[in-house]
Amino acid sequence: MSELKRRPLPHDFHPPVPSFTVVSDDIVAGGVLKEDQVYEGGNVSPHLRWKGFPAETRSFAVTCYDPDAPTGSGFWHWVLFDIPATVTELPAGAGTGAFEGLPKGSVQVRNDYGSKDFGGAAPPPGDGSHRYVFTVYAVDQDKLGPDAEVSPAVVGFNLRFHAIARAQLIGEYENKG
C-alpha cells in the first residue's frame, strides 16, 4: 500500500501554480468516499465548492483522477472544463444522469470508462486503497480550446499551459471484495 501512495499526481508534472480551496459536502479530505461516489454504489459526482482563486480567473476545469489504478497511466474518472468563472460550486450529480447543475457551456470529455460523465471509484478487489484526486483548476481563458471529442491527456496538456491556480481534494476508496 505504501508503494501506491508514492505514485505521482497528474499536476506533479506541471509548473507550480498558487493554490486555492476546494471543499465538498460529500468528500472529507483523506477520508473514504461515500457509496454514492463508487461506480457500483450510485456513480454520482460529488458536490464541490471552491474559493480563493485568482481574480484574473476566466474559467474553471474539474478533474477526478486515480493515480493508483493498476494501468501504468492511472485512470481518469471525470474531466470537465469551460466552467464559467462565475460558477464556484457544482451540486452532487452535476456530472451524472441528467447533468442537473452542470453549468451551461461546460464541456465533459470521455473518461477512462469511455463515457462523457463522472465515473465513480472502482478499484480492483484486493488492490488496496486508491486515491481519488478531485482537482479544480483556475484557467486564464474563457474557453480552454479543446472540444468534447479529445482525450483527458489533451485537456491536461492545455491545462499545463493555462492553469493559473489549482485546488485539490483527495478521497480514498478500497474494494475489499
N, C-alpha and C. Protein backbone atom coordinates (compact mmCIF):
# COMPACT_ATOMS: atom_id res chain seq x y z
N MET A 1 0.82 -1.19 0.00
CA MET A 1 0.00 0.00 0.00
C MET A 1 0.86 1.25 0.00
N SER A 2 2.01 1.25 0.69
CA SER A 2 2.84 2.45 0.71
C SER A 2 3.38 2.76 -0.68
N GLU A 3 3.59 1.75 -1.51
CA GLU A 3 4.04 1.99 -2.89
C GLU A 3 2.98 2.77 -3.65
N LEU A 4 1.71 2.45 -3.43
CA LEU A 4 0.64 3.17 -4.10
C LEU A 4 0.66 4.65 -3.73
N LYS A 5 0.93 4.96 -2.50
CA LYS A 5 0.88 6.34 -2.04
C LYS A 5 1.99 7.19 -2.65
N ARG A 6 3.00 6.58 -3.22
CA ARG A 6 4.10 7.34 -3.81
C ARG A 6 3.90 7.64 -5.29
N ARG A 7 2.89 7.08 -5.91
CA ARG A 7 2.66 7.38 -7.32
C ARG A 7 2.31 8.85 -7.47
N PRO A 8 2.86 9.49 -8.50
CA PRO A 8 2.65 10.94 -8.65
C PRO A 8 1.23 11.30 -9.04
N LEU A 9 0.87 12.53 -8.73
CA LEU A 9 -0.40 13.09 -9.12
C LEU A 9 -0.22 13.74 -10.50
N PRO A 10 -1.30 13.91 -11.26
CA PRO A 10 -1.13 14.42 -12.63
C PRO A 10 -0.48 15.79 -12.71
N HIS A 11 -0.76 16.65 -11.75
CA HIS A 11 -0.19 18.00 -11.82
C HIS A 11 1.20 18.09 -11.21
N ASP A 12 1.75 16.97 -10.72
CA ASP A 12 3.13 16.97 -10.25
C ASP A 12 4.10 17.26 -11.40
N PHE A 13 3.64 17.07 -12.63
CA PHE A 13 4.48 17.28 -13.80
C PHE A 13 4.26 18.65 -14.44
N HIS A 14 3.36 19.43 -13.87
CA HIS A 14 3.06 20.76 -14.39
C HIS A 14 3.86 21.81 -13.61
N PRO A 15 4.02 22.98 -14.19
CA PRO A 15 4.70 24.05 -13.44
C PRO A 15 3.93 24.37 -12.16
N PRO A 16 4.63 24.77 -11.11
CA PRO A 16 3.92 25.14 -9.87
C PRO A 16 3.06 26.38 -10.10
N VAL A 17 1.88 26.36 -9.49
CA VAL A 17 0.96 27.50 -9.52
C VAL A 17 0.42 27.68 -8.11
N PRO A 18 -0.13 28.85 -7.81
CA PRO A 18 -0.72 29.06 -6.49
C PRO A 18 -1.88 28.08 -6.25
N SER A 19 -2.20 27.89 -4.99
CA SER A 19 -3.32 27.02 -4.65
C SER A 19 -4.49 27.87 -4.14
N PHE A 20 -5.66 27.26 -4.14
CA PHE A 20 -6.83 27.85 -3.53
C PHE A 20 -7.58 26.73 -2.83
N THR A 21 -8.79 26.93 -2.41
CA THR A 21 -9.51 25.97 -1.57
C THR A 21 -10.67 25.33 -2.30
N VAL A 22 -10.78 24.00 -2.19
CA VAL A 22 -11.96 23.28 -2.65
C VAL A 22 -12.44 22.42 -1.50
N VAL A 23 -13.76 22.43 -1.26
CA VAL A 23 -14.38 21.63 -0.21
C VAL A 23 -15.59 20.91 -0.80
N SER A 24 -16.13 19.99 -0.03
CA SER A 24 -17.26 19.20 -0.51
C SER A 24 -18.16 18.81 0.64
N ASP A 25 -19.45 18.74 0.35
CA ASP A 25 -20.40 18.18 1.32
C ASP A 25 -20.34 16.66 1.30
N ASP A 26 -19.70 16.08 0.27
CA ASP A 26 -19.69 14.64 0.09
C ASP A 26 -18.34 13.96 0.36
N ILE A 27 -17.25 14.73 0.32
CA ILE A 27 -15.91 14.16 0.48
C ILE A 27 -15.20 14.86 1.62
N VAL A 28 -14.61 14.08 2.51
CA VAL A 28 -13.77 14.60 3.57
C VAL A 28 -12.33 14.36 3.13
N ALA A 29 -11.50 15.39 3.17
CA ALA A 29 -10.11 15.27 2.75
C ALA A 29 -9.44 14.09 3.46
N GLY A 30 -8.91 13.16 2.68
CA GLY A 30 -8.24 11.99 3.23
C GLY A 30 -9.19 10.90 3.71
N GLY A 31 -10.49 11.16 3.66
CA GLY A 31 -11.48 10.19 4.12
C GLY A 31 -11.90 9.24 3.03
N VAL A 32 -12.77 8.32 3.40
CA VAL A 32 -13.29 7.32 2.47
C VAL A 32 -14.45 7.91 1.69
N LEU A 33 -14.46 7.69 0.37
CA LEU A 33 -15.57 8.16 -0.46
C LEU A 33 -16.87 7.51 -0.02
N LYS A 34 -17.96 8.23 -0.15
CA LYS A 34 -19.29 7.69 0.13
C LYS A 34 -19.66 6.69 -0.96
N GLU A 35 -20.57 5.81 -0.66
CA GLU A 35 -21.02 4.81 -1.65
C GLU A 35 -21.55 5.46 -2.92
N ASP A 36 -22.14 6.66 -2.80
CA ASP A 36 -22.64 7.36 -3.97
C ASP A 36 -21.55 7.64 -5.00
N GLN A 37 -20.31 7.85 -4.54
CA GLN A 37 -19.20 8.15 -5.44
C GLN A 37 -18.50 6.90 -5.96
N VAL A 38 -19.03 5.73 -5.64
CA VAL A 38 -18.49 4.46 -6.11
C VAL A 38 -19.27 4.03 -7.35
N TYR A 39 -18.58 3.47 -8.32
CA TYR A 39 -19.20 3.10 -9.59
C TYR A 39 -20.42 2.21 -9.39
N GLU A 40 -20.30 1.18 -8.56
CA GLU A 40 -21.41 0.24 -8.33
C GLU A 40 -22.36 0.71 -7.24
N GLY A 41 -22.04 1.83 -6.57
CA GLY A 41 -22.85 2.26 -5.44
C GLY A 41 -23.69 3.49 -5.68
N GLY A 42 -23.73 3.98 -6.90
CA GLY A 42 -24.51 5.17 -7.21
C GLY A 42 -23.92 5.96 -8.36
N ASN A 43 -22.57 6.01 -8.39
CA ASN A 43 -21.88 6.66 -9.51
C ASN A 43 -22.28 8.12 -9.65
N VAL A 44 -22.41 8.82 -8.53
CA VAL A 44 -22.86 10.22 -8.51
C VAL A 44 -21.66 11.14 -8.29
N SER A 45 -21.50 12.12 -9.18
CA SER A 45 -20.42 13.09 -8.98
C SER A 45 -20.66 13.84 -7.67
N PRO A 46 -19.59 14.11 -6.91
CA PRO A 46 -19.77 14.76 -5.62
C PRO A 46 -20.01 16.26 -5.73
N HIS A 47 -20.58 16.81 -4.69
CA HIS A 47 -20.68 18.26 -4.54
C HIS A 47 -19.27 18.81 -4.40
N LEU A 48 -18.98 19.93 -5.04
CA LEU A 48 -17.69 20.62 -4.91
C LEU A 48 -17.96 22.12 -4.84
N ARG A 49 -17.20 22.82 -3.98
CA ARG A 49 -17.31 24.27 -3.86
C ARG A 49 -15.89 24.82 -3.68
N TRP A 50 -15.57 25.93 -4.35
CA TRP A 50 -14.21 26.46 -4.28
C TRP A 50 -14.21 27.97 -4.07
N LYS A 51 -13.08 28.43 -3.50
CA LYS A 51 -12.91 29.88 -3.24
C LYS A 51 -11.42 30.18 -3.13
N GLY A 52 -11.10 31.47 -3.21
CA GLY A 52 -9.73 31.91 -3.03
C GLY A 52 -8.88 31.84 -4.29
N PHE A 53 -9.50 31.70 -5.43
CA PHE A 53 -8.79 31.62 -6.71
C PHE A 53 -8.41 33.04 -7.16
N PRO A 54 -7.46 33.16 -8.10
CA PRO A 54 -7.02 34.48 -8.56
C PRO A 54 -8.14 35.28 -9.23
N ALA A 55 -8.10 36.58 -9.05
CA ALA A 55 -9.12 37.47 -9.64
C ALA A 55 -9.13 37.40 -11.16
N GLU A 56 -8.00 37.07 -11.77
CA GLU A 56 -7.93 37.01 -13.23
C GLU A 56 -8.43 35.69 -13.83
N THR A 57 -9.00 34.83 -12.99
CA THR A 57 -9.58 33.56 -13.47
C THR A 57 -10.70 33.84 -14.47
N ARG A 58 -10.64 33.16 -15.63
CA ARG A 58 -11.65 33.36 -16.67
C ARG A 58 -12.58 32.16 -16.81
N SER A 59 -12.13 30.99 -16.34
CA SER A 59 -12.97 29.79 -16.32
C SER A 59 -12.33 28.77 -15.39
N PHE A 60 -13.02 27.65 -15.19
CA PHE A 60 -12.51 26.57 -14.35
C PHE A 60 -12.57 25.24 -15.08
N ALA A 61 -11.77 24.31 -14.62
CA ALA A 61 -11.83 22.92 -15.05
C ALA A 61 -11.85 22.07 -13.79
N VAL A 62 -12.51 20.92 -13.87
CA VAL A 62 -12.57 19.97 -12.75
C VAL A 62 -12.21 18.59 -13.28
N THR A 63 -11.32 17.91 -12.55
CA THR A 63 -10.96 16.54 -12.92
C THR A 63 -11.01 15.64 -11.69
N CYS A 64 -11.19 14.36 -11.95
CA CYS A 64 -11.04 13.33 -10.92
C CYS A 64 -10.14 12.25 -11.50
N TYR A 65 -9.07 11.95 -10.81
CA TYR A 65 -8.03 11.05 -11.31
C TYR A 65 -7.62 10.08 -10.20
N ASP A 66 -7.44 8.82 -10.57
CA ASP A 66 -6.93 7.80 -9.66
C ASP A 66 -5.50 7.46 -10.09
N PRO A 67 -4.49 7.99 -9.38
CA PRO A 67 -3.10 7.69 -9.75
C PRO A 67 -2.69 6.27 -9.39
N ASP A 68 -3.51 5.59 -8.58
CA ASP A 68 -3.15 4.28 -8.07
C ASP A 68 -3.73 3.12 -8.87
N ALA A 69 -4.46 3.44 -9.93
CA ALA A 69 -5.04 2.39 -10.79
C ALA A 69 -3.90 1.55 -11.39
N PRO A 70 -4.09 0.24 -11.46
CA PRO A 70 -3.02 -0.64 -11.95
C PRO A 70 -2.95 -0.66 -13.49
N THR A 71 -2.75 0.53 -14.06
CA THR A 71 -2.71 0.65 -15.51
C THR A 71 -1.37 1.11 -16.05
N GLY A 72 -0.53 1.68 -15.19
CA GLY A 72 0.70 2.30 -15.63
C GLY A 72 0.50 3.76 -15.99
N SER A 73 -0.76 4.17 -16.15
CA SER A 73 -1.05 5.57 -16.51
C SER A 73 -2.18 6.16 -15.66
N GLY A 74 -2.56 5.48 -14.59
CA GLY A 74 -3.66 5.98 -13.77
C GLY A 74 -4.99 5.79 -14.47
N PHE A 75 -6.02 6.46 -13.94
CA PHE A 75 -7.37 6.31 -14.50
C PHE A 75 -8.11 7.62 -14.32
N TRP A 76 -8.60 8.19 -15.43
CA TRP A 76 -9.39 9.43 -15.39
C TRP A 76 -10.86 9.10 -15.18
N HIS A 77 -11.42 9.60 -14.09
CA HIS A 77 -12.82 9.36 -13.74
C HIS A 77 -13.74 10.50 -14.18
N TRP A 78 -13.18 11.69 -14.36
CA TRP A 78 -14.00 12.84 -14.73
C TRP A 78 -13.11 13.94 -15.27
N VAL A 79 -13.50 14.52 -16.38
CA VAL A 79 -12.79 15.66 -16.96
C VAL A 79 -13.84 16.63 -17.49
N LEU A 80 -13.90 17.79 -16.85
CA LEU A 80 -14.89 18.82 -17.14
C LEU A 80 -14.16 20.15 -17.24
N PHE A 81 -14.45 20.94 -18.27
CA PHE A 81 -13.78 22.23 -18.41
C PHE A 81 -14.72 23.25 -19.05
N ASP A 82 -14.23 24.48 -19.21
CA ASP A 82 -15.01 25.62 -19.70
C ASP A 82 -16.17 25.94 -18.77
N ILE A 83 -15.95 25.74 -17.48
CA ILE A 83 -16.92 26.15 -16.46
C ILE A 83 -16.77 27.67 -16.31
N PRO A 84 -17.83 28.43 -16.48
CA PRO A 84 -17.72 29.89 -16.37
C PRO A 84 -17.13 30.33 -15.03
N ALA A 85 -16.37 31.42 -15.06
CA ALA A 85 -15.70 31.93 -13.86
C ALA A 85 -16.68 32.36 -12.78
N THR A 86 -17.94 32.58 -13.15
CA THR A 86 -18.96 32.97 -12.16
C THR A 86 -19.48 31.78 -11.36
N VAL A 87 -19.13 30.56 -11.79
CA VAL A 87 -19.59 29.34 -11.12
C VAL A 87 -18.51 28.90 -10.13
N THR A 88 -18.87 28.78 -8.87
CA THR A 88 -17.90 28.35 -7.85
C THR A 88 -18.40 27.15 -7.05
N GLU A 89 -19.39 26.46 -7.60
CA GLU A 89 -19.93 25.29 -6.92
C GLU A 89 -20.65 24.39 -7.92
N LEU A 90 -20.44 23.09 -7.74
CA LEU A 90 -21.16 22.09 -8.52
C LEU A 90 -21.97 21.24 -7.54
N PRO A 91 -23.26 21.09 -7.76
CA PRO A 91 -24.05 20.24 -6.86
C PRO A 91 -23.73 18.77 -7.10
N ALA A 92 -24.02 17.94 -6.12
CA ALA A 92 -23.87 16.50 -6.30
C ALA A 92 -24.70 16.08 -7.51
N GLY A 93 -24.15 15.23 -8.33
CA GLY A 93 -24.86 14.74 -9.50
C GLY A 93 -24.74 15.60 -10.74
N ALA A 94 -24.01 16.73 -10.67
CA ALA A 94 -23.89 17.61 -11.84
C ALA A 94 -23.25 16.87 -13.01
N GLY A 95 -22.35 15.95 -12.74
CA GLY A 95 -21.64 15.25 -13.81
C GLY A 95 -22.21 13.90 -14.16
N THR A 96 -23.42 13.60 -13.69
CA THR A 96 -24.02 12.29 -13.94
C THR A 96 -25.50 12.42 -14.26
N GLY A 97 -26.06 11.34 -14.78
CA GLY A 97 -27.50 11.29 -15.03
C GLY A 97 -27.97 12.34 -16.01
N ALA A 98 -28.89 13.20 -15.57
CA ALA A 98 -29.45 14.24 -16.42
C ALA A 98 -28.57 15.50 -16.43
N PHE A 99 -27.44 15.45 -15.72
CA PHE A 99 -26.48 16.57 -15.65
C PHE A 99 -27.10 17.83 -15.07
N GLU A 100 -28.05 17.66 -14.13
CA GLU A 100 -28.65 18.81 -13.47
C GLU A 100 -27.58 19.53 -12.67
N GLY A 101 -27.49 20.83 -12.86
CA GLY A 101 -26.48 21.62 -12.16
C GLY A 101 -25.18 21.75 -12.92
N LEU A 102 -25.06 21.08 -14.07
CA LEU A 102 -23.86 21.24 -14.89
C LEU A 102 -23.94 22.62 -15.55
N PRO A 103 -22.93 23.46 -15.37
CA PRO A 103 -23.00 24.82 -15.91
C PRO A 103 -23.12 24.84 -17.43
N LYS A 104 -23.98 25.73 -17.92
CA LYS A 104 -24.16 25.89 -19.36
C LYS A 104 -22.83 26.27 -20.00
N GLY A 105 -22.51 25.60 -21.10
CA GLY A 105 -21.28 25.88 -21.83
C GLY A 105 -20.10 25.04 -21.40
N SER A 106 -20.22 24.35 -20.27
CA SER A 106 -19.12 23.50 -19.83
C SER A 106 -19.04 22.25 -20.71
N VAL A 107 -17.86 21.65 -20.75
CA VAL A 107 -17.60 20.52 -21.64
C VAL A 107 -17.07 19.35 -20.83
N GLN A 108 -17.64 18.16 -21.05
CA GLN A 108 -17.13 16.92 -20.46
C GLN A 108 -16.54 16.08 -21.58
N VAL A 109 -15.35 15.53 -21.34
CA VAL A 109 -14.76 14.61 -22.32
C VAL A 109 -14.87 13.19 -21.78
N ARG A 110 -14.62 12.26 -22.65
CA ARG A 110 -14.71 10.85 -22.31
C ARG A 110 -13.72 10.50 -21.19
N ASN A 111 -14.24 9.88 -20.13
CA ASN A 111 -13.37 9.39 -19.06
C ASN A 111 -12.78 8.04 -19.49
N ASP A 112 -12.02 7.41 -18.62
CA ASP A 112 -11.41 6.13 -18.99
C ASP A 112 -12.39 4.96 -18.98
N TYR A 113 -13.63 5.18 -18.54
CA TYR A 113 -14.68 4.19 -18.73
C TYR A 113 -15.23 4.26 -20.15
N GLY A 114 -14.97 5.38 -20.84
CA GLY A 114 -15.46 5.57 -22.19
C GLY A 114 -16.72 6.40 -22.28
N SER A 115 -17.15 7.02 -21.17
CA SER A 115 -18.37 7.82 -21.18
C SER A 115 -18.05 9.28 -20.82
N LYS A 116 -18.88 10.18 -21.28
CA LYS A 116 -18.68 11.61 -21.03
C LYS A 116 -19.48 12.03 -19.80
N ASP A 117 -19.00 11.61 -18.65
CA ASP A 117 -19.64 11.90 -17.38
C ASP A 117 -18.68 11.55 -16.26
N PHE A 118 -19.17 11.63 -15.02
CA PHE A 118 -18.39 11.17 -13.88
C PHE A 118 -18.53 9.67 -13.77
N GLY A 119 -17.40 8.99 -13.62
CA GLY A 119 -17.40 7.55 -13.37
C GLY A 119 -16.81 7.30 -11.99
N GLY A 120 -17.56 6.69 -11.12
CA GLY A 120 -17.15 6.51 -9.73
C GLY A 120 -16.00 5.56 -9.51
N ALA A 121 -15.56 5.52 -8.27
CA ALA A 121 -14.44 4.67 -7.85
C ALA A 121 -14.75 3.20 -8.10
N ALA A 122 -13.76 2.48 -8.59
CA ALA A 122 -13.94 1.04 -8.85
C ALA A 122 -12.59 0.32 -8.87
N PRO A 123 -11.82 0.41 -7.79
CA PRO A 123 -10.54 -0.28 -7.81
C PRO A 123 -10.74 -1.79 -7.83
N PRO A 124 -9.80 -2.52 -8.39
CA PRO A 124 -9.92 -3.98 -8.38
C PRO A 124 -9.97 -4.52 -6.95
N PRO A 125 -10.73 -5.57 -6.72
CA PRO A 125 -10.78 -6.17 -5.38
C PRO A 125 -9.38 -6.55 -4.92
N GLY A 126 -9.08 -6.21 -3.67
CA GLY A 126 -7.81 -6.58 -3.07
C GLY A 126 -6.61 -5.74 -3.51
N ASP A 127 -6.83 -4.67 -4.27
CA ASP A 127 -5.73 -3.84 -4.77
C ASP A 127 -5.31 -2.75 -3.79
N GLY A 128 -5.90 -2.73 -2.62
CA GLY A 128 -5.56 -1.71 -1.63
C GLY A 128 -6.37 -0.45 -1.84
N SER A 129 -6.09 0.53 -1.02
CA SER A 129 -6.81 1.79 -1.06
C SER A 129 -6.27 2.65 -2.20
N HIS A 130 -7.18 3.17 -3.01
CA HIS A 130 -6.82 4.07 -4.11
C HIS A 130 -7.20 5.49 -3.73
N ARG A 131 -6.41 6.45 -4.21
CA ARG A 131 -6.71 7.87 -4.01
C ARG A 131 -7.51 8.38 -5.21
N TYR A 132 -8.50 9.20 -4.93
CA TYR A 132 -9.31 9.85 -5.96
C TYR A 132 -9.10 11.34 -5.80
N VAL A 133 -8.34 11.90 -6.74
CA VAL A 133 -7.88 13.28 -6.66
C VAL A 133 -8.83 14.17 -7.46
N PHE A 134 -9.63 14.94 -6.75
CA PHE A 134 -10.52 15.91 -7.37
C PHE A 134 -9.75 17.23 -7.42
N THR A 135 -9.53 17.74 -8.62
CA THR A 135 -8.77 18.97 -8.80
C THR A 135 -9.63 19.99 -9.51
N VAL A 136 -9.63 21.21 -8.98
CA VAL A 136 -10.27 22.34 -9.63
C VAL A 136 -9.13 23.24 -10.12
N TYR A 137 -9.15 23.57 -11.39
CA TYR A 137 -8.14 24.43 -12.00
C TYR A 137 -8.76 25.79 -12.30
N ALA A 138 -8.08 26.86 -11.92
CA ALA A 138 -8.43 28.21 -12.36
C ALA A 138 -7.70 28.42 -13.68
N VAL A 139 -8.44 28.81 -14.71
CA VAL A 139 -7.90 28.89 -16.07
C VAL A 139 -7.86 30.35 -16.53
N ASP A 140 -6.85 30.68 -17.33
CA ASP A 140 -6.64 32.07 -17.76
C ASP A 140 -7.39 32.47 -19.02
N GLN A 141 -8.30 31.63 -19.51
CA GLN A 141 -9.11 31.98 -20.67
C GLN A 141 -10.52 31.42 -20.52
N ASP A 142 -11.47 32.04 -21.23
CA ASP A 142 -12.88 31.63 -21.13
C ASP A 142 -13.08 30.21 -21.64
N LYS A 143 -12.42 29.87 -22.73
CA LYS A 143 -12.52 28.55 -23.35
C LYS A 143 -11.12 27.95 -23.40
N LEU A 144 -10.98 26.76 -22.87
CA LEU A 144 -9.67 26.11 -22.81
C LEU A 144 -9.14 25.79 -24.20
N GLY A 145 -10.01 25.49 -25.14
CA GLY A 145 -9.57 25.21 -26.50
C GLY A 145 -10.08 23.92 -27.08
N PRO A 146 -9.90 22.78 -26.38
CA PRO A 146 -10.37 21.51 -26.95
C PRO A 146 -11.89 21.43 -27.00
N ASP A 147 -12.37 20.44 -27.75
CA ASP A 147 -13.80 20.17 -27.77
C ASP A 147 -14.07 18.87 -27.00
N ALA A 148 -15.29 18.40 -27.03
CA ALA A 148 -15.70 17.24 -26.24
C ALA A 148 -15.17 15.92 -26.78
N GLU A 149 -14.48 15.93 -27.91
CA GLU A 149 -14.00 14.69 -28.52
C GLU A 149 -12.55 14.36 -28.20
N VAL A 150 -11.86 15.22 -27.46
CA VAL A 150 -10.45 14.95 -27.16
C VAL A 150 -10.31 14.02 -25.96
N SER A 151 -9.12 13.54 -25.73
CA SER A 151 -8.83 12.67 -24.59
C SER A 151 -8.52 13.51 -23.36
N PRO A 152 -8.56 12.89 -22.17
CA PRO A 152 -8.14 13.60 -20.97
C PRO A 152 -6.70 14.12 -21.08
N ALA A 153 -5.84 13.41 -21.81
CA ALA A 153 -4.45 13.84 -21.96
C ALA A 153 -4.37 15.18 -22.69
N VAL A 154 -5.21 15.39 -23.70
CA VAL A 154 -5.21 16.66 -24.43
C VAL A 154 -5.69 17.78 -23.52
N VAL A 155 -6.70 17.52 -22.71
CA VAL A 155 -7.17 18.52 -21.75
C VAL A 155 -6.03 18.83 -20.77
N GLY A 156 -5.37 17.80 -20.26
CA GLY A 156 -4.25 18.01 -19.35
C GLY A 156 -3.13 18.82 -19.97
N PHE A 157 -2.85 18.58 -21.24
CA PHE A 157 -1.83 19.34 -21.95
C PHE A 157 -2.21 20.82 -21.97
N ASN A 158 -3.45 21.12 -22.29
CA ASN A 158 -3.91 22.51 -22.31
C ASN A 158 -3.90 23.14 -20.92
N LEU A 159 -4.28 22.37 -19.91
CA LEU A 159 -4.25 22.89 -18.54
C LEU A 159 -2.83 23.20 -18.09
N ARG A 160 -1.87 22.45 -18.57
CA ARG A 160 -0.47 22.71 -18.21
C ARG A 160 -0.08 24.14 -18.55
N PHE A 161 -0.60 24.65 -19.65
CA PHE A 161 -0.23 25.99 -20.12
C PHE A 161 -1.20 27.08 -19.71
N HIS A 162 -2.40 26.71 -19.24
CA HIS A 162 -3.41 27.73 -18.95
C HIS A 162 -3.93 27.73 -17.52
N ALA A 163 -3.49 26.81 -16.68
CA ALA A 163 -3.90 26.83 -15.27
C ALA A 163 -3.08 27.89 -14.54
N ILE A 164 -3.78 28.79 -13.86
CA ILE A 164 -3.10 29.84 -13.10
C ILE A 164 -3.16 29.58 -11.60
N ALA A 165 -3.95 28.60 -11.20
CA ALA A 165 -4.02 28.18 -9.80
C ALA A 165 -4.74 26.83 -9.78
N ARG A 166 -4.59 26.12 -8.65
CA ARG A 166 -5.14 24.76 -8.58
C ARG A 166 -5.54 24.46 -7.13
N ALA A 167 -6.63 23.73 -6.99
CA ALA A 167 -7.08 23.26 -5.67
C ALA A 167 -7.37 21.78 -5.78
N GLN A 168 -7.07 21.03 -4.74
CA GLN A 168 -7.35 19.60 -4.81
C GLN A 168 -7.95 19.09 -3.51
N LEU A 169 -8.75 18.04 -3.67
CA LEU A 169 -9.38 17.35 -2.56
C LEU A 169 -9.24 15.86 -2.86
N ILE A 170 -8.67 15.12 -1.92
CA ILE A 170 -8.40 13.69 -2.16
C ILE A 170 -9.21 12.84 -1.20
N GLY A 171 -10.00 11.94 -1.77
CA GLY A 171 -10.70 10.92 -1.00
C GLY A 171 -10.13 9.57 -1.38
N GLU A 172 -10.42 8.56 -0.58
CA GLU A 172 -9.89 7.22 -0.85
C GLU A 172 -11.02 6.21 -0.89
N TYR A 173 -10.73 5.09 -1.55
CA TYR A 173 -11.69 4.00 -1.57
C TYR A 173 -10.94 2.71 -1.81
N GLU A 174 -11.37 1.66 -1.12
CA GLU A 174 -10.79 0.33 -1.27
C GLU A 174 -11.91 -0.68 -1.49
N ASN A 175 -11.72 -1.53 -2.49
CA ASN A 175 -12.66 -2.60 -2.76
C ASN A 175 -12.11 -3.85 -2.08
N LYS A 176 -12.63 -4.18 -0.92
CA LYS A 176 -12.11 -5.33 -0.17
C LYS A 176 -12.70 -6.65 -0.68
N GLY A 177 -13.70 -6.53 -1.59
CA GLY A 177 -14.43 -7.66 -2.15
C GLY A 177 -13.61 -8.81 -2.52
